[in-house]
Amino acid sequence: MAARVVRAAIVGASSILGKELADELNSSLSAAWDLALFDTGDISGQVTAAGDEPMVIQEIGPVSFVGIDVVFFAGDAATTRKHWKDALTAGASVIDLSFALEGEKGTLVRCPWIETVEAGTTPAPDLTTKVVVPAHPAAVMLATITARLRAQWKTARLAATVLEPASQQGREGLEELHQQTVGTLSFQSLPKDVYDAQVAFNLNATLGGAAKLDLSTLTAQVRRHFGAIAGAGASQALALQLLQAPVFNGYTASIFATFGEELKQEDIARVLQGGMVSVVAADDPGPSNMSVIEQSQMLVSVRAESHATNGFWLWMAADNLRLSARNASACAMELIALRPAGKVQ
C-alpha cells in the first residue's frame, strides 16, 4: 500500500532544528511528506536542502497554510505566537517545537512511543486536539527509561544530572560556544550575548543574569514535560539537575537508579533494551555526545554500584536535534491518523 501523502509546512525552516526536521520527514517511511518551507526576514528566497531535494524557503503570507495538513513551528517562540492561529484557521494541525504554546488551552505535551504505566495521567490526542508540543528531548530521554523501569519495578527511583548542549539554543548558542572556544585559546575577550557566562571549557550550574535562558526555568520545564509523558507517579520518583555543558550537540545524562528489591545489572539492561533505546555492552565504547550524532536511538550503559545495595549507574546519550525531530514526526502522525484521508479539516 502506498504511503499516505501529507501536506506539511515547516516554519523556521532555516533553523538547525528546522533543517533536522525536514531531513527526518523526507526520510520517513510512515508517510509521504509534501513539504513547504517557510521563515521570516531575509531568509525567504534562500535555497536549502531537505534530504536530497533542493527547496526554496518562502516568506509567510496570508495563504501560506491553505491546504496544509500540519504546520511544524521549529523557529523562535515569537514567530510561533504570531502565526499559529493562522495555521488553525486554515484547517491545519499545529506541532510546536518552540514550546511557545505549552500553556495554551487544549495543548498536549506528547511523546507517542513512551509506554507509561501511570494510567490516566498521560492523555492521548483526540478529534478535539489541534496543537501538540513534542516533549523536551531531555524529558523524553529520562521518561523513556523511567517508564520502562517502573513498568517492571514500581520501587524504581532515579537521580539524574543532565548536561545541556549549545545546540538547544539554536545557531546562536553554537556560534557563541565556538567564538568562546576560539577566544579562550587565543586569550581574547569572550562574547556572552546568549549565556552571559563562559561556557567554553566550563560546566555551569547557573548562568549570568542577562542570559537568554535560565537553567532553573529550563529544569522546571523538563520536569513538567517529564510528568506529562511519564505520569505523575514517575515524576515523584525523579530527582533532577541540569548543567550547561561546553559541548556543541548531544545530550548526556548521568543517572543513579535505586530499587527496593535485589536486581542484577543484566536485569536492568534487558528491560531497557529495544525500540528507541540501545544498551551498550560493557566492553564497547560507552555512549557520548559524539557517538550519538545523527543516531536515531538513545544509547545507555549500565553499571552496578558496589557500595549501594540495588543501586545502578546509567550513562545515557542522545542526539537532541534528531530526538526532537523524530518525536515531532511521531506526534504529527498521531494527529494525521485522526484526520479524514484526502481532506483538510
C-alpha atoms as a PDB file:
ATOM      1  CA  MET A   1       0.000   0.000   0.000  1.00  0.00           C
ATOM      2  CA  ALA A   2       1.310   3.435  -0.931  1.00  0.00           C
ATOM      3  CA  ALA A   3       2.204   5.728   1.950  1.00  0.00           C
ATOM      4  CA  ARG A   4      -0.338   8.422   2.740  1.00  0.00           C
ATOM      5  CA  VAL A   5       0.568  11.828   1.278  1.00  0.00           C
ATOM      6  CA  VAL A   6       0.676  14.501   3.981  1.00  0.00           C
ATOM      7  CA  ARG A   7       0.981  18.183   3.131  1.00  0.00           C
ATOM      8  CA  ALA A   8       3.106  19.901   5.742  1.00  0.00           C
ATOM      9  CA  ALA A   9       4.737  23.263   6.338  1.00  0.00           C
ATOM     10  CA  ILE A  10       7.844  23.911   8.427  1.00  0.00           C
ATOM     11  CA  VAL A  11       8.023  27.428   9.867  1.00  0.00           C
ATOM     12  CA  GLY A  12      11.570  28.205  10.953  1.00  0.00           C
ATOM     13  CA  ALA A  13      12.972  26.016   8.197  1.00  0.00           C
ATOM     14  CA  SER A  14      16.373  27.732   8.280  1.00  0.00           C
ATOM     15  CA  SER A  15      16.971  26.872  11.947  1.00  0.00           C
ATOM     16  CA  ILE A  16      19.136  23.882  12.772  1.00  0.00           C
ATOM     17  CA  LEU A  17      16.082  22.135  14.231  1.00  0.00           C
ATOM     18  CA  GLY A  18      14.021  23.020  11.159  1.00  0.00           C
ATOM     19  CA  LYS A  19      16.661  21.507   8.887  1.00  0.00           C
ATOM     20  CA  GLU A  20      16.809  18.358  11.019  1.00  0.00           C
ATOM     21  CA  LEU A  21      13.033  18.072  10.915  1.00  0.00           C
ATOM     22  CA  ALA A  22      12.929  18.428   7.114  1.00  0.00           C
ATOM     23  CA  ASP A  23      15.504  15.640   6.784  1.00  0.00           C
ATOM     24  CA  GLU A  24      13.535  13.438   9.192  1.00  0.00           C
ATOM     25  CA  LEU A  25      10.268  13.886   7.313  1.00  0.00           C
ATOM     26  CA  ASN A  26      11.864  13.310   3.914  1.00  0.00           C
ATOM     27  CA  SER A  27      13.311  10.001   5.102  1.00  0.00           C
ATOM     28  CA  SER A  28      10.083   8.874   6.784  1.00  0.00           C
ATOM     29  CA  LEU A  29       8.544   5.545   5.825  1.00  0.00           C
ATOM     30  CA  SER A  30       5.259   6.208   7.645  1.00  0.00           C
ATOM     31  CA  ALA A  31       4.025   8.870   5.211  1.00  0.00           C
ATOM     32  CA  ALA A  32       4.961  10.688   2.008  1.00  0.00           C
ATOM     33  CA  TRP A  33       5.518  14.258   3.142  1.00  0.00           C
ATOM     34  CA  ASP A  34       4.792  17.067   0.676  1.00  0.00           C
ATOM     35  CA  LEU A  35       6.787  19.840   2.324  1.00  0.00           C
ATOM     36  CA  ALA A  36       6.675  23.622   2.103  1.00  0.00           C
ATOM     37  CA  LEU A  37       9.391  25.587   3.915  1.00  0.00           C
ATOM     38  CA  PHE A  38       8.818  28.999   5.490  1.00  0.00           C
ATOM     39  CA  ASP A  39      10.776  31.529   7.509  1.00  0.00           C
ATOM     40  CA  THR A  40      10.886  35.209   8.336  1.00  0.00           C
ATOM     41  CA  GLY A  41      13.155  38.132   7.490  1.00  0.00           C
ATOM     42  CA  ASP A  42      15.976  37.894   4.965  1.00  0.00           C
ATOM     43  CA  ILE A  43      15.856  34.080   4.944  1.00  0.00           C
ATOM     44  CA  SER A  44      12.971  33.928   2.479  1.00  0.00           C
ATOM     45  CA  GLY A  45      14.088  33.128  -1.048  1.00  0.00           C
ATOM     46  CA  GLN A  46      17.109  31.138   0.050  1.00  0.00           C
ATOM     47  CA  VAL A  47      17.630  27.628  -1.284  1.00  0.00           C
ATOM     48  CA  THR A  48      18.159  24.823   1.199  1.00  0.00           C
ATOM     49  CA  ALA A  49      18.227  21.038   1.091  1.00  0.00           C
ATOM     50  CA  ALA A  50      15.509  18.851   2.588  1.00  0.00           C
ATOM     51  CA  GLY A  51      17.105  15.428   2.413  1.00  0.00           C
ATOM     52  CA  ASP A  52      18.496  15.255  -1.125  1.00  0.00           C
ATOM     53  CA  GLU A  53      15.921  17.656  -2.522  1.00  0.00           C
ATOM     54  CA  PRO A  54      16.700  21.379  -3.001  1.00  0.00           C
ATOM     55  CA  MET A  55      13.878  23.604  -1.805  1.00  0.00           C
ATOM     56  CA  VAL A  56      13.225  27.330  -1.597  1.00  0.00           C
ATOM     57  CA  ILE A  57      12.384  28.864   1.771  1.00  0.00           C
ATOM     58  CA  GLN A  58       9.322  31.060   1.363  1.00  0.00           C
ATOM     59  CA  GLU A  59       8.115  34.090   3.258  1.00  0.00           C
ATOM     60  CA  ILE A  60       4.989  33.537   5.356  1.00  0.00           C
ATOM     61  CA  GLY A  61       1.944  35.085   3.685  1.00  0.00           C
ATOM     62  CA  PRO A  62      -1.851  35.245   4.115  1.00  0.00           C
ATOM     63  CA  VAL A  63      -2.489  31.955   2.286  1.00  0.00           C
ATOM     64  CA  SER A  64       0.683  30.066   3.206  1.00  0.00           C
ATOM     65  CA  PHE A  65      -1.166  27.421   5.231  1.00  0.00           C
ATOM     66  CA  VAL A  66      -4.182  26.888   2.990  1.00  0.00           C
ATOM     67  CA  GLY A  67      -4.434  23.221   2.027  1.00  0.00           C
ATOM     68  CA  ILE A  68      -1.820  22.200   4.624  1.00  0.00           C
ATOM     69  CA  ASP A  69      -2.486  19.235   6.929  1.00  0.00           C
ATOM     70  CA  VAL A  70       0.060  20.057   9.626  1.00  0.00           C
ATOM     71  CA  VAL A  71       2.283  23.038  10.390  1.00  0.00           C
ATOM     72  CA  PHE A  72       5.511  22.487  12.331  1.00  0.00           C
ATOM     73  CA  PHE A  73       6.821  25.538  14.186  1.00  0.00           C
ATOM     74  CA  ALA A  74      10.577  24.988  14.571  1.00  0.00           C
ATOM     75  CA  GLY A  75      11.801  28.575  14.877  1.00  0.00           C
ATOM     76  CA  ASP A  76      11.649  31.110  17.684  1.00  0.00           C
ATOM     77  CA  ALA A  77       8.748  31.429  20.091  1.00  0.00           C
ATOM     78  CA  ALA A  78       7.751  34.891  18.833  1.00  0.00           C
ATOM     79  CA  THR A  79       7.187  33.592  15.286  1.00  0.00           C
ATOM     80  CA  THR A  80       5.090  30.731  16.641  1.00  0.00           C
ATOM     81  CA  ARG A  81       2.897  33.068  18.665  1.00  0.00           C
ATOM     82  CA  LYS A  82       2.423  35.333  15.643  1.00  0.00           C
ATOM     83  CA  HIS A  83       1.336  32.668  13.160  1.00  0.00           C
ATOM     84  CA  TRP A  84      -0.083  29.619  14.962  1.00  0.00           C
ATOM     85  CA  LYS A  85      -3.690  30.820  14.896  1.00  0.00           C
ATOM     86  CA  ASP A  86      -3.369  31.421  11.133  1.00  0.00           C
ATOM     87  CA  ALA A  87      -2.469  27.734  10.780  1.00  0.00           C
ATOM     88  CA  LEU A  88      -5.507  26.676  12.803  1.00  0.00           C
ATOM     89  CA  THR A  89      -7.782  28.986  10.830  1.00  0.00           C
ATOM     90  CA  ALA A  90      -6.539  27.364   7.613  1.00  0.00           C
ATOM     91  CA  GLY A  91      -7.533  23.945   8.986  1.00  0.00           C
ATOM     92  CA  ALA A  92      -4.059  22.659   9.840  1.00  0.00           C
ATOM     93  CA  SER A  93      -2.931  20.869  12.964  1.00  0.00           C
ATOM     94  CA  VAL A  94      -0.027  22.527  14.809  1.00  0.00           C
ATOM     95  CA  ILE A  95       3.140  20.863  16.094  1.00  0.00           C
ATOM     96  CA  ASP A  96       5.052  23.358  18.244  1.00  0.00           C
ATOM     97  CA  LEU A  97       8.758  22.587  18.666  1.00  0.00           C
ATOM     98  CA  SER A  98       9.398  26.086  20.049  1.00  0.00           C
ATOM     99  CA  PHE A  99       7.404  25.335  23.244  1.00  0.00           C
ATOM    100  CA  ALA A 100       5.636  28.692  22.876  1.00  0.00           C
ATOM    101  CA  LEU A 101       2.131  27.193  23.048  1.00  0.00           C
ATOM    102  CA  GLU A 102       2.614  24.866  26.003  1.00  0.00           C
ATOM    103  CA  GLY A 103       0.297  26.943  28.194  1.00  0.00           C
ATOM    104  CA  GLU A 104      -2.495  27.306  25.639  1.00  0.00           C
ATOM    105  CA  LYS A 105      -5.792  25.610  26.480  1.00  0.00           C
ATOM    106  CA  GLY A 106      -6.144  22.173  24.880  1.00  0.00           C
ATOM    107  CA  THR A 107      -2.446  21.813  24.044  1.00  0.00           C
ATOM    108  CA  LEU A 108      -0.912  18.387  24.730  1.00  0.00           C
ATOM    109  CA  VAL A 109       2.726  17.696  25.571  1.00  0.00           C
ATOM    110  CA  ARG A 110       3.469  14.349  23.928  1.00  0.00           C
ATOM    111  CA  CYS A 111       5.915  11.587  23.135  1.00  0.00           C
ATOM    112  CA  PRO A 112       3.909   8.788  21.489  1.00  0.00           C
ATOM    113  CA  TRP A 113       6.424   5.974  21.863  1.00  0.00           C
ATOM    114  CA  ILE A 114       6.723   6.101  25.661  1.00  0.00           C
ATOM    115  CA  GLU A 115       4.989   3.144  27.288  1.00  0.00           C
ATOM    116  CA  THR A 116       3.690   4.624  30.528  1.00  0.00           C
ATOM    117  CA  VAL A 117       2.182   2.621  33.361  1.00  0.00           C
ATOM    118  CA  GLU A 118       0.698   5.705  35.010  1.00  0.00           C
ATOM    119  CA  ALA A 119      -2.807   5.130  33.629  1.00  0.00           C
ATOM    120  CA  GLY A 120      -4.974   8.184  33.151  1.00  0.00           C
ATOM    121  CA  THR A 121      -2.200  10.742  33.615  1.00  0.00           C
ATOM    122  CA  THR A 122      -0.844  10.916  30.064  1.00  0.00           C
ATOM    123  CA  PRO A 123      -3.781  11.705  27.739  1.00  0.00           C
ATOM    124  CA  ALA A 124      -3.564  10.877  24.047  1.00  0.00           C
ATOM    125  CA  PRO A 125      -4.809  13.257  21.333  1.00  0.00           C
ATOM    126  CA  ASP A 126      -8.392  13.000  20.119  1.00  0.00           C
ATOM    127  CA  LEU A 127     -10.534  14.728  17.492  1.00  0.00           C
ATOM    128  CA  THR A 128     -10.541  17.935  19.538  1.00  0.00           C
ATOM    129  CA  THR A 129      -6.737  18.159  19.699  1.00  0.00           C
ATOM    130  CA  LYS A 130      -5.355  20.838  17.397  1.00  0.00           C
ATOM    131  CA  VAL A 131      -1.995  21.694  18.994  1.00  0.00           C
ATOM    132  CA  VAL A 132       0.701  19.328  20.257  1.00  0.00           C
ATOM    133  CA  VAL A 133       4.024  20.255  21.837  1.00  0.00           C
ATOM    134  CA  PRO A 134       6.587  17.465  21.344  1.00  0.00           C
ATOM    135  CA  ALA A 135       8.139  16.976  24.760  1.00  0.00           C
ATOM    136  CA  HIS A 136      11.575  18.411  25.517  1.00  0.00           C
ATOM    137  CA  PRO A 137      14.268  15.947  24.377  1.00  0.00           C
ATOM    138  CA  ALA A 138      15.802  15.737  27.857  1.00  0.00           C
ATOM    139  CA  ALA A 139      12.386  14.821  29.248  1.00  0.00           C
ATOM    140  CA  VAL A 140      11.988  12.211  26.511  1.00  0.00           C
ATOM    141  CA  MET A 141      15.345  10.637  27.406  1.00  0.00           C
ATOM    142  CA  LEU A 142      14.508  10.393  31.084  1.00  0.00           C
ATOM    143  CA  ALA A 143      10.869   9.384  30.633  1.00  0.00           C
ATOM    144  CA  THR A 144      11.717   6.599  28.180  1.00  0.00           C
ATOM    145  CA  ILE A 145      13.918   4.750  30.646  1.00  0.00           C
ATOM    146  CA  THR A 146      11.868   5.647  33.724  1.00  0.00           C
ATOM    147  CA  ALA A 147       8.663   4.307  32.168  1.00  0.00           C
ATOM    148  CA  ARG A 148      10.366   1.025  31.299  1.00  0.00           C
ATOM    149  CA  LEU A 149      11.955   0.601  34.719  1.00  0.00           C
ATOM    150  CA  ARG A 150       8.776   1.472  36.629  1.00  0.00           C
ATOM    151  CA  ALA A 151       6.702  -0.841  34.436  1.00  0.00           C
ATOM    152  CA  GLN A 152       8.863  -3.671  35.745  1.00  0.00           C
ATOM    153  CA  TRP A 153       9.726  -2.381  39.239  1.00  0.00           C
ATOM    154  CA  LYS A 154       7.427   0.189  40.834  1.00  0.00           C
ATOM    155  CA  THR A 155      10.051   0.893  43.504  1.00  0.00           C
ATOM    156  CA  ALA A 156      12.451   2.402  40.955  1.00  0.00           C
ATOM    157  CA  ARG A 157      13.769   5.866  41.857  1.00  0.00           C
ATOM    158  CA  LEU A 158      16.183   7.921  39.754  1.00  0.00           C
ATOM    159  CA  ALA A 159      18.521  10.850  40.369  1.00  0.00           C
ATOM    160  CA  ALA A 160      19.666  12.425  37.105  1.00  0.00           C
ATOM    161  CA  THR A 161      22.232  15.044  36.144  1.00  0.00           C
ATOM    162  CA  VAL A 162      21.616  16.173  32.559  1.00  0.00           C
ATOM    163  CA  LEU A 163      24.243  18.026  30.511  1.00  0.00           C
ATOM    164  CA  GLU A 164      22.766  20.682  28.222  1.00  0.00           C
ATOM    165  CA  PRO A 165      24.347  21.188  24.748  1.00  0.00           C
ATOM    166  CA  ALA A 166      24.690  24.519  22.959  1.00  0.00           C
ATOM    167  CA  SER A 167      22.575  23.386  20.005  1.00  0.00           C
ATOM    168  CA  GLN A 168      19.452  23.594  22.177  1.00  0.00           C
ATOM    169  CA  GLN A 169      19.854  27.366  21.812  1.00  0.00           C
ATOM    170  CA  GLY A 170      19.995  27.080  18.053  1.00  0.00           C
ATOM    171  CA  ARG A 171      22.569  28.641  15.799  1.00  0.00           C
ATOM    172  CA  GLU A 172      23.155  31.487  18.279  1.00  0.00           C
ATOM    173  CA  GLY A 173      24.197  29.067  21.001  1.00  0.00           C
ATOM    174  CA  LEU A 174      26.502  27.131  18.693  1.00  0.00           C
ATOM    175  CA  GLU A 175      28.143  30.297  17.388  1.00  0.00           C
ATOM    176  CA  GLU A 176      28.731  31.716  20.863  1.00  0.00           C
ATOM    177  CA  LEU A 177      30.297  28.482  22.113  1.00  0.00           C
ATOM    178  CA  HIS A 178      32.531  28.407  19.016  1.00  0.00           C
ATOM    179  CA  GLN A 179      33.615  32.019  19.483  1.00  0.00           C
ATOM    180  CA  GLN A 180      34.251  31.480  23.186  1.00  0.00           C
ATOM    181  CA  THR A 181      36.344  28.398  22.429  1.00  0.00           C
ATOM    182  CA  VAL A 182      38.494  30.301  19.943  1.00  0.00           C
ATOM    183  CA  GLY A 183      38.679  33.341  22.219  1.00  0.00           C
ATOM    184  CA  THR A 184      39.748  31.344  25.254  1.00  0.00           C
ATOM    185  CA  LEU A 185      42.565  29.636  23.362  1.00  0.00           C
ATOM    186  CA  SER A 186      43.795  32.965  21.952  1.00  0.00           C
ATOM    187  CA  PHE A 187      43.320  34.936  25.222  1.00  0.00           C
ATOM    188  CA  GLN A 188      40.694  37.236  23.702  1.00  0.00           C
ATOM    189  CA  SER A 189      37.539  38.658  25.244  1.00  0.00           C
ATOM    190  CA  LEU A 190      34.554  36.308  25.108  1.00  0.00           C
ATOM    191  CA  PRO A 191      31.117  37.057  23.647  1.00  0.00           C
ATOM    192  CA  LYS A 192      28.347  36.447  26.189  1.00  0.00           C
ATOM    193  CA  ASP A 193      25.164  37.539  24.438  1.00  0.00           C
ATOM    194  CA  VAL A 194      23.462  34.141  24.823  1.00  0.00           C
ATOM    195  CA  TYR A 195      24.794  32.739  28.097  1.00  0.00           C
ATOM    196  CA  ASP A 196      26.165  35.806  29.905  1.00  0.00           C
ATOM    197  CA  ALA A 197      28.853  33.441  31.219  1.00  0.00           C
ATOM    198  CA  GLN A 198      31.829  31.477  29.992  1.00  0.00           C
ATOM    199  CA  VAL A 199      30.518  28.199  28.628  1.00  0.00           C
ATOM    200  CA  ALA A 200      33.630  27.083  26.711  1.00  0.00           C
ATOM    201  CA  PHE A 201      35.843  24.733  28.778  1.00  0.00           C
ATOM    202  CA  ASN A 202      33.431  25.176  31.662  1.00  0.00           C
ATOM    203  CA  LEU A 203      30.479  23.478  33.386  1.00  0.00           C
ATOM    204  CA  ASN A 204      27.794  25.816  34.717  1.00  0.00           C
ATOM    205  CA  ALA A 205      25.008  25.163  37.205  1.00  0.00           C
ATOM    206  CA  THR A 206      23.810  28.763  36.774  1.00  0.00           C
ATOM    207  CA  LEU A 207      24.256  31.353  34.030  1.00  0.00           C
ATOM    208  CA  GLY A 208      24.536  35.134  34.048  1.00  0.00           C
ATOM    209  CA  GLY A 209      21.572  37.315  34.864  1.00  0.00           C
ATOM    210  CA  ALA A 210      21.384  38.628  31.288  1.00  0.00           C
ATOM    211  CA  ALA A 211      21.458  35.141  29.700  1.00  0.00           C
ATOM    212  CA  LYS A 212      18.761  34.225  27.186  1.00  0.00           C
ATOM    213  CA  LEU A 213      17.978  31.080  29.172  1.00  0.00           C
ATOM    214  CA  ASP A 214      17.686  30.286  32.848  1.00  0.00           C
ATOM    215  CA  LEU A 215      18.788  26.815  33.913  1.00  0.00           C
ATOM    216  CA  SER A 216      16.351  26.631  36.819  1.00  0.00           C
ATOM    217  CA  THR A 217      13.463  27.555  34.497  1.00  0.00           C
ATOM    218  CA  LEU A 218      14.693  25.007  31.958  1.00  0.00           C
ATOM    219  CA  THR A 219      14.936  22.340  34.659  1.00  0.00           C
ATOM    220  CA  ALA A 220      11.344  23.082  35.672  1.00  0.00           C
ATOM    221  CA  GLN A 221      10.232  22.749  32.046  1.00  0.00           C
ATOM    222  CA  VAL A 222      11.998  19.400  31.637  1.00  0.00           C
ATOM    223  CA  ARG A 223      10.400  18.150  34.843  1.00  0.00           C
ATOM    224  CA  ARG A 224       6.983  19.400  33.723  1.00  0.00           C
ATOM    225  CA  HIS A 225       7.286  17.669  30.342  1.00  0.00           C
ATOM    226  CA  PHE A 226       8.582  14.534  32.065  1.00  0.00           C
ATOM    227  CA  GLY A 227       5.462  14.405  34.215  1.00  0.00           C
ATOM    228  CA  ALA A 228       3.231  14.960  31.187  1.00  0.00           C
ATOM    229  CA  ILE A 229       4.629  11.987  29.279  1.00  0.00           C
ATOM    230  CA  ALA A 230       5.707   9.609  32.059  1.00  0.00           C
ATOM    231  CA  GLY A 231       2.957  10.256  34.585  1.00  0.00           C
ATOM    232  CA  ALA A 232       2.649  11.952  37.953  1.00  0.00           C
ATOM    233  CA  GLY A 233       3.867   8.903  39.859  1.00  0.00           C
ATOM    234  CA  ALA A 234       7.033   8.734  37.797  1.00  0.00           C
ATOM    235  CA  SER A 235       7.614  12.450  38.351  1.00  0.00           C
ATOM    236  CA  GLN A 236       7.695  11.882  42.103  1.00  0.00           C
ATOM    237  CA  ALA A 237      10.365   9.214  41.576  1.00  0.00           C
ATOM    238  CA  LEU A 238      12.813  11.545  39.781  1.00  0.00           C
ATOM    239  CA  ALA A 239      15.406  13.908  41.248  1.00  0.00           C
ATOM    240  CA  LEU A 240      16.822  16.190  38.555  1.00  0.00           C
ATOM    241  CA  GLN A 241      19.510  18.775  37.992  1.00  0.00           C
ATOM    242  CA  LEU A 242      20.595  20.287  34.679  1.00  0.00           C
ATOM    243  CA  LEU A 243      24.033  21.729  33.882  1.00  0.00           C
ATOM    244  CA  GLN A 244      25.181  23.773  30.886  1.00  0.00           C
ATOM    245  CA  ALA A 245      27.963  21.777  29.233  1.00  0.00           C
ATOM    246  CA  PRO A 246      30.713  23.014  26.869  1.00  0.00           C
ATOM    247  CA  VAL A 247      29.540  20.743  24.043  1.00  0.00           C
ATOM    248  CA  PHE A 248      28.011  21.658  20.712  1.00  0.00           C
ATOM    249  CA  ASN A 249      25.441  18.899  20.277  1.00  0.00           C
ATOM    250  CA  GLY A 250      24.013  15.894  22.055  1.00  0.00           C
ATOM    251  CA  TYR A 251      22.523  15.379  25.492  1.00  0.00           C
ATOM    252  CA  THR A 252      24.293  13.203  28.030  1.00  0.00           C
ATOM    253  CA  ALA A 253      22.931  12.230  31.433  1.00  0.00           C
ATOM    254  CA  SER A 254      24.336  10.529  34.494  1.00  0.00           C
ATOM    255  CA  ILE A 255      21.534   8.685  36.266  1.00  0.00           C
ATOM    256  CA  PHE A 256      21.632   6.782  39.543  1.00  0.00           C
ATOM    257  CA  ALA A 257      18.750   4.320  39.816  1.00  0.00           C
ATOM    258  CA  THR A 258      17.780   2.524  43.016  1.00  0.00           C
ATOM    259  CA  PHE A 259      15.302  -0.297  43.569  1.00  0.00           C
ATOM    260  CA  GLY A 260      13.526  -1.840  46.541  1.00  0.00           C
ATOM    261  CA  GLU A 261      14.474  -5.377  45.589  1.00  0.00           C
ATOM    262  CA  GLU A 262      17.564  -7.320  44.646  1.00  0.00           C
ATOM    263  CA  LEU A 263      18.446  -6.991  40.959  1.00  0.00           C
ATOM    264  CA  LYS A 264      21.339  -7.708  38.660  1.00  0.00           C
ATOM    265  CA  GLN A 265      22.903  -5.496  36.040  1.00  0.00           C
ATOM    266  CA  GLU A 266      21.613  -7.849  33.355  1.00  0.00           C
ATOM    267  CA  ASP A 267      18.031  -7.335  34.580  1.00  0.00           C
ATOM    268  CA  ILE A 268      18.286  -3.564  34.060  1.00  0.00           C
ATOM    269  CA  ALA A 269      19.872  -3.915  30.619  1.00  0.00           C
ATOM    270  CA  ARG A 270      17.220  -6.406  29.491  1.00  0.00           C
ATOM    271  CA  VAL A 271      14.336  -4.109  30.421  1.00  0.00           C
ATOM    272  CA  LEU A 272      15.899  -1.025  28.810  1.00  0.00           C
ATOM    273  CA  GLN A 273      16.969  -2.620  25.516  1.00  0.00           C
ATOM    274  CA  GLY A 274      14.828  -2.219  22.419  1.00  0.00           C
ATOM    275  CA  GLY A 275      12.964   0.303  20.330  1.00  0.00           C
ATOM    276  CA  MET A 276      14.380   3.781  20.823  1.00  0.00           C
ATOM    277  CA  VAL A 277      16.990   2.549  23.333  1.00  0.00           C
ATOM    278  CA  SER A 278      20.190   0.665  22.605  1.00  0.00           C
ATOM    279  CA  VAL A 279      22.103  -0.701  25.608  1.00  0.00           C
ATOM    280  CA  VAL A 280      25.867  -0.535  25.081  1.00  0.00           C
ATOM    281  CA  ALA A 281      27.831  -3.593  26.193  1.00  0.00           C
ATOM    282  CA  ALA A 282      30.436  -3.132  28.928  1.00  0.00           C
ATOM    283  CA  ASP A 283      33.325  -3.955  26.593  1.00  0.00           C
ATOM    284  CA  ASP A 284      32.200  -1.495  23.889  1.00  0.00           C
ATOM    285  CA  PRO A 285      32.929   2.259  23.816  1.00  0.00           C
ATOM    286  CA  GLY A 286      30.448   3.994  26.081  1.00  0.00           C
ATOM    287  CA  PRO A 287      27.762   6.460  24.992  1.00  0.00           C
ATOM    288  CA  SER A 288      28.892  10.028  24.341  1.00  0.00           C
ATOM    289  CA  ASN A 289      27.547  13.179  22.768  1.00  0.00           C
ATOM    290  CA  MET A 290      29.778  12.460  19.765  1.00  0.00           C
ATOM    291  CA  SER A 291      28.782   8.820  19.310  1.00  0.00           C
ATOM    292  CA  VAL A 292      25.071   9.677  19.070  1.00  0.00           C
ATOM    293  CA  ILE A 293      25.326  12.358  16.378  1.00  0.00           C
ATOM    294  CA  GLU A 294      22.682  11.548  13.727  1.00  0.00           C
ATOM    295  CA  GLN A 295      21.773   8.371  15.624  1.00  0.00           C
ATOM    296  CA  SER A 296      18.060   7.628  15.879  1.00  0.00           C
ATOM    297  CA  GLN A 297      18.391   5.639  19.101  1.00  0.00           C
ATOM    298  CA  MET A 298      19.326   6.744  22.579  1.00  0.00           C
ATOM    299  CA  LEU A 299      22.420   4.951  23.909  1.00  0.00           C
ATOM    300  CA  VAL A 300      22.747   3.826  27.516  1.00  0.00           C
ATOM    301  CA  SER A 301      25.278   1.844  29.533  1.00  0.00           C
ATOM    302  CA  VAL A 302      24.525   0.149  32.858  1.00  0.00           C
ATOM    303  CA  ARG A 303      26.911  -0.396  35.776  1.00  0.00           C
ATOM    304  CA  ALA A 304      26.167  -1.755  39.247  1.00  0.00           C
ATOM    305  CA  GLU A 305      27.284   0.387  42.202  1.00  0.00           C
ATOM    306  CA  SER A 306      29.172  -1.916  44.550  1.00  0.00           C
ATOM    307  CA  HIS A 307      28.746   0.382  47.563  1.00  0.00           C
ATOM    308  CA  ALA A 308      24.977   0.838  47.283  1.00  0.00           C
ATOM    309  CA  THR A 309      22.564  -2.069  47.603  1.00  0.00           C
ATOM    310  CA  ASN A 310      20.444  -2.389  44.470  1.00  0.00           C
ATOM    311  CA  GLY A 311      21.880   0.804  43.006  1.00  0.00           C
ATOM    312  CA  PHE A 312      22.913   1.159  39.362  1.00  0.00           C
ATOM    313  CA  TRP A 313      24.603   3.874  37.305  1.00  0.00           C
ATOM    314  CA  LEU A 314      23.160   4.632  33.893  1.00  0.00           C
ATOM    315  CA  TRP A 315      25.174   6.775  31.465  1.00  0.00           C
ATOM    316  CA  MET A 316      22.969   7.961  28.642  1.00  0.00           C
ATOM    317  CA  ALA A 317      23.392   9.967  25.433  1.00  0.00           C
ATOM    318  CA  ALA A 318      21.078  11.150  22.651  1.00  0.00           C
ATOM    319  CA  ASP A 319      21.227  13.472  19.649  1.00  0.00           C
ATOM    320  CA  ASN A 320      18.875  16.194  20.876  1.00  0.00           C
ATOM    321  CA  LEU A 321      18.049  17.512  17.394  1.00  0.00           C
ATOM    322  CA  ARG A 322      17.343  14.073  15.943  1.00  0.00           C
ATOM    323  CA  LEU A 323      15.299  13.106  19.007  1.00  0.00           C
ATOM    324  CA  SER A 324      13.202  16.275  18.769  1.00  0.00           C
ATOM    325  CA  ALA A 325      12.605  15.766  15.049  1.00  0.00           C
ATOM    326  CA  ARG A 326      11.589  12.125  15.471  1.00  0.00           C
ATOM    327  CA  ASN A 327       9.209  12.968  18.295  1.00  0.00           C
ATOM    328  CA  ALA A 328       7.667  15.802  16.258  1.00  0.00           C
ATOM    329  CA  SER A 329       7.128  13.434  13.337  1.00  0.00           C
ATOM    330  CA  ALA A 330       5.513  10.835  15.621  1.00  0.00           C
ATOM    331  CA  CYS A 331       3.252  13.471  17.195  1.00  0.00           C
ATOM    332  CA  ALA A 332       2.184  14.653  13.751  1.00  0.00           C
ATOM    333  CA  MET A 333       1.360  11.116  12.629  1.00  0.00           C
ATOM    334  CA  GLU A 334      -0.908  10.705  15.670  1.00  0.00           C
ATOM    335  CA  LEU A 335      -2.868  13.776  14.604  1.00  0.00           C
ATOM    336  CA  ILE A 336      -2.856  12.822  10.915  1.00  0.00           C
ATOM    337  CA  ALA A 337      -4.344   9.426  11.807  1.00  0.00           C
ATOM    338  CA  LEU A 338      -7.342  11.268  13.267  1.00  0.00           C
ATOM    339  CA  ARG A 339      -7.932  13.330  10.120  1.00  0.00           C
ATOM    340  CA  PRO A 340     -10.066  12.103   7.198  1.00  0.00           C
ATOM    341  CA  ALA A 341      -7.772  10.919   4.394  1.00  0.00           C
ATOM    342  CA  GLY A 342      -7.636  13.304   1.457  1.00  0.00           C
ATOM    343  CA  LYS A 343      -9.292  16.146   3.369  1.00  0.00           C
ATOM    344  CA  VAL A 344      -8.154  19.201   5.182  1.00  0.00           C
ATOM    345  CA  GLN A 345     -10.337  19.907   8.192  1.00  0.00           C
END
